[in-house]
C-alpha atoms as a PDB file:
ATOM      1  CA  UNK A   1      40.489   5.885  26.289  1.00  0.00           C
ATOM      2  CA  UNK A   2      40.166   5.818  22.496  1.00  0.00           C
ATOM      3  CA  UNK A   3      41.722   8.578  20.464  1.00  0.00           C
ATOM      4  CA  UNK A   4      39.410  10.594  18.285  1.00  0.00           C
ATOM      5  CA  UNK A   5      40.243  12.425  15.099  1.00  0.00           C
ATOM      6  CA  UNK A   6      40.225  15.691  17.063  1.00  0.00           C
ATOM      7  CA  UNK A   7      42.912  14.404  19.445  1.00  0.00           C
ATOM      8  CA  UNK A   8      45.087  13.146  16.606  1.00  0.00           C
ATOM      9  CA  UNK A   9      44.808  16.445  14.718  1.00  0.00           C
ATOM     10  CA  UNK A  10      45.528  18.351  17.912  1.00  0.00           C
ATOM     11  CA  UNK A  11      48.682  16.358  18.655  1.00  0.00           C
ATOM     12  CA  UNK A  12      49.869  16.564  15.061  1.00  0.00           C
ATOM     13  CA  UNK A  13      49.424  20.332  14.935  1.00  0.00           C
ATOM     14  CA  UNK A  14      51.217  20.805  18.261  1.00  0.00           C
ATOM     15  CA  UNK A  15      54.185  18.837  16.945  1.00  0.00           C
ATOM     16  CA  UNK A  16      54.123  20.662  13.623  1.00  0.00           C
ATOM     17  CA  UNK A  17      54.129  24.068  15.335  1.00  0.00           C
ATOM     18  CA  UNK A  18      56.989  22.981  17.608  1.00  0.00           C
ATOM     19  CA  UNK A  19      59.109  21.772  14.687  1.00  0.00           C
ATOM     20  CA  UNK A  20      58.461  24.962  12.721  1.00  0.00           C
ATOM     21  CA  UNK A  21      59.447  27.088  15.717  1.00  0.00           C
ATOM     22  CA  UNK A  22      62.663  25.105  16.116  1.00  0.00           C
ATOM     23  CA  UNK A  23      63.391  25.476  12.412  1.00  0.00           C
ATOM     24  CA  UNK A  24      62.896  29.243  12.521  1.00  0.00           C
ATOM     25  CA  UNK A  25      65.217  29.503  15.550  1.00  0.00           C
ATOM     26  CA  UNK A  26      67.763  27.394  13.656  1.00  0.00           C
ATOM     27  CA  UNK A  27      67.539  29.650  10.597  1.00  0.00           C
ATOM     28  CA  UNK A  28      68.052  32.779  12.654  1.00  0.00           C
ATOM     29  CA  UNK A  29      70.926  31.381  14.736  1.00  0.00           C
ATOM     30  CA  UNK A  30      72.811  29.870  11.798  1.00  0.00           C
ATOM     31  CA  UNK A  31      72.688  32.975   9.639  1.00  0.00           C
ATOM     32  CA  UNK A  32      75.504  33.345   7.151  1.00  0.00           C
ATOM     33  CA  UNK A  33      75.820  36.268   4.720  1.00  0.00           C
ATOM     34  CA  UNK A  34      75.987  33.942   1.716  1.00  0.00           C
ATOM     35  CA  UNK A  35      72.787  32.080   2.579  1.00  0.00           C
ATOM     36  CA  UNK A  36      69.504  33.138   1.101  1.00  0.00           C
ATOM     37  CA  UNK A  37      67.533  33.068   4.331  1.00  0.00           C
ATOM     38  CA  UNK A  38      64.603  35.282   3.284  1.00  0.00           C
ATOM     39  CA  UNK A  39      62.781  32.654   1.141  1.00  0.00           C
ATOM     40  CA  UNK A  40      63.199  30.024   3.860  1.00  0.00           C
ATOM     41  CA  UNK A  41      61.887  32.367   6.548  1.00  0.00           C
ATOM     42  CA  UNK A  42      58.958  33.360   4.344  1.00  0.00           C
ATOM     43  CA  UNK A  43      57.994  29.719   3.725  1.00  0.00           C
ATOM     44  CA  UNK A  44      58.437  28.906   7.408  1.00  0.00           C
ATOM     45  CA  UNK A  45      56.262  31.889   8.401  1.00  0.00           C
ATOM     46  CA  UNK A  46      53.645  30.800   5.870  1.00  0.00           C
ATOM     47  CA  UNK A  47      53.522  27.279   7.297  1.00  0.00           C
ATOM     48  CA  UNK A  48      53.348  28.559  10.889  1.00  0.00           C
ATOM     49  CA  UNK A  49      50.501  30.920  10.014  1.00  0.00           C
ATOM     50  CA  UNK A  50      48.672  28.139   8.159  1.00  0.00           C
ATOM     51  CA  UNK A  51      49.079  25.889  11.187  1.00  0.00           C
ATOM     52  CA  UNK A  52      47.682  28.578  13.463  1.00  0.00           C
ATOM     53  CA  UNK A  53      44.745  29.265  11.151  1.00  0.00           C
ATOM     54  CA  UNK A  54      44.019  25.557  10.838  1.00  0.00           C
ATOM     55  CA  UNK A  55      44.186  25.158  14.604  1.00  0.00           C
ATOM     56  CA  UNK A  56      41.993  28.169  15.366  1.00  0.00           C
ATOM     57  CA  UNK A  57      39.358  27.781  12.654  1.00  0.00           C
ATOM     58  CA  UNK A  58      39.109  24.065  12.016  1.00  0.00           C
ATOM     59  CA  UNK A  59      39.519  22.819  15.582  1.00  0.00           C
ATOM     60  CA  UNK A  60      37.559  25.790  17.013  1.00  0.00           C
ATOM     61  CA  UNK A  61      40.091  26.461  19.712  1.00  0.00           C
ATOM     62  CA  UNK A  62      39.426  28.956  22.483  1.00  0.00           C
ATOM     63  CA  UNK A  63      43.137  29.598  23.014  1.00  0.00           C
ATOM     64  CA  UNK A  64      44.882  32.815  22.115  1.00  0.00           C
ATOM     65  CA  UNK A  65      48.147  32.806  20.197  1.00  0.00           C
ATOM     66  CA  UNK A  66      50.517  32.936  23.171  1.00  0.00           C
ATOM     67  CA  UNK A  67      48.692  30.132  24.997  1.00  0.00           C
ATOM     68  CA  UNK A  68      48.744  28.025  21.833  1.00  0.00           C
ATOM     69  CA  UNK A  69      52.509  28.483  21.456  1.00  0.00           C
ATOM     70  CA  UNK A  70      53.089  27.665  25.115  1.00  0.00           C
ATOM     71  CA  UNK A  71      50.866  24.601  24.972  1.00  0.00           C
ATOM     72  CA  UNK A  72      52.465  23.382  21.728  1.00  0.00           C
ATOM     73  CA  UNK A  73      55.985  23.653  23.098  1.00  0.00           C
ATOM     74  CA  UNK A  74      55.063  22.093  26.444  1.00  0.00           C
ATOM     75  CA  UNK A  75      53.186  19.149  24.942  1.00  0.00           C
ATOM     76  CA  UNK A  76      55.899  18.525  22.364  1.00  0.00           C
ATOM     77  CA  UNK A  77      58.649  18.480  24.985  1.00  0.00           C
ATOM     78  CA  UNK A  78      56.496  16.209  27.159  1.00  0.00           C
ATOM     79  CA  UNK A  79      56.048  13.822  24.212  1.00  0.00           C
ATOM     80  CA  UNK A  80      59.790  13.807  23.563  1.00  0.00           C
ATOM     81  CA  UNK A  81      60.409  12.975  27.216  1.00  0.00           C
ATOM     82  CA  UNK A  82      57.893  10.123  27.031  1.00  0.00           C
ATOM     83  CA  UNK A  83      59.692   8.644  24.017  1.00  0.00           C
ATOM     84  CA  UNK A  84      63.226   9.183  25.376  1.00  0.00           C
ATOM     85  CA  UNK A  85      63.478   5.856  27.309  1.00  0.00           C
ATOM     86  CA  UNK A  86      62.955   4.058  24.004  1.00  0.00           C
ATOM     87  CA  UNK A  87      65.839   6.022  22.452  1.00  0.00           C
ATOM     88  CA  UNK A  88      68.028   5.286  25.484  1.00  0.00           C
ATOM     89  CA  UNK A  89      67.267   1.589  25.053  1.00  0.00           C
ATOM     90  CA  UNK A  90      68.216   1.719  21.362  1.00  0.00           C
ATOM     91  CA  UNK A  91      71.455   3.565  22.084  1.00  0.00           C
ATOM     92  CA  UNK A  92      72.369   1.112  24.863  1.00  0.00           C
ATOM     93  CA  UNK A  93      71.620  -1.827  22.577  1.00  0.00           C
ATOM     94  CA  UNK A  94      73.810  -0.334  19.823  1.00  0.00           C
ATOM     95  CA  UNK A  95      76.701   0.277  22.216  1.00  0.00           C
ATOM     96  CA  UNK A  96      76.515  -3.281  23.580  1.00  0.00           C
ATOM     97  CA  UNK A  97      76.402  -4.646  20.041  1.00  0.00           C
ATOM     98  CA  UNK A  98      79.500  -2.619  19.099  1.00  0.00           C
ATOM     99  CA  UNK A  99      81.283  -3.704  22.267  1.00  0.00           C
ATOM    100  CA  UNK A 100      80.689  -7.413  21.624  1.00  0.00           C
ATOM    101  CA  UNK A 101      81.679  -7.241  17.962  1.00  0.00           C
ATOM    102  CA  UNK A 102      84.971  -8.917  17.047  1.00  0.00           C
ATOM    103  CA  UNK A 103      87.431  -6.691  15.269  1.00  0.00           C
ATOM    104  CA  UNK A 104      88.520  -7.780  11.797  1.00  0.00           C
ATOM    105  CA  UNK A 105      92.106  -8.767  11.259  1.00  0.00           C
ATOM    106  CA  UNK A 106      94.230  -5.974   9.842  1.00  0.00           C
ATOM    107  CA  UNK A 107      96.601  -7.125   7.104  1.00  0.00           C
ATOM    108  CA  UNK A 108      99.010  -4.223   7.624  1.00  0.00           C
ATOM    109  CA  UNK A 109      99.442  -5.020  11.317  1.00  0.00           C
ATOM    110  CA  UNK A 110     100.169  -8.640  10.401  1.00  0.00           C
ATOM    111  CA  UNK A 111     102.928  -7.463   8.071  1.00  0.00           C
ATOM    112  CA  UNK A 112     104.521  -5.478  10.884  1.00  0.00           C
ATOM    113  CA  UNK A 113     104.642  -8.592  13.057  1.00  0.00           C
ATOM    114  CA  UNK A 114     106.491 -10.574  10.390  1.00  0.00           C
ATOM    115  CA  UNK A 115     109.301  -8.048   9.956  1.00  0.00           C
END
């Protein structure tokens, strides 16, 4: 099944909306009185609204806003779960590589042995 430009745009926008939602949750949860959070939230809100407008008007979607948010989060989490075995393989490979690595000789420990 070949991917069309509509499918690629759809997947990209779902991921973009998911990342922007996670970023807004991060900004709200990590609030500190000395941070200037208002400009970041305004830019994040602007990008989310632009993503929604692009999705609704360019892709001619029949979804309402709540269904779009639900679908974006669900498809993004599903995509992360599809990619996760690859990350598990990379982590396992890194751990095995660290385990098989020979430790370098420590000059200070050698000095302790000679005393």
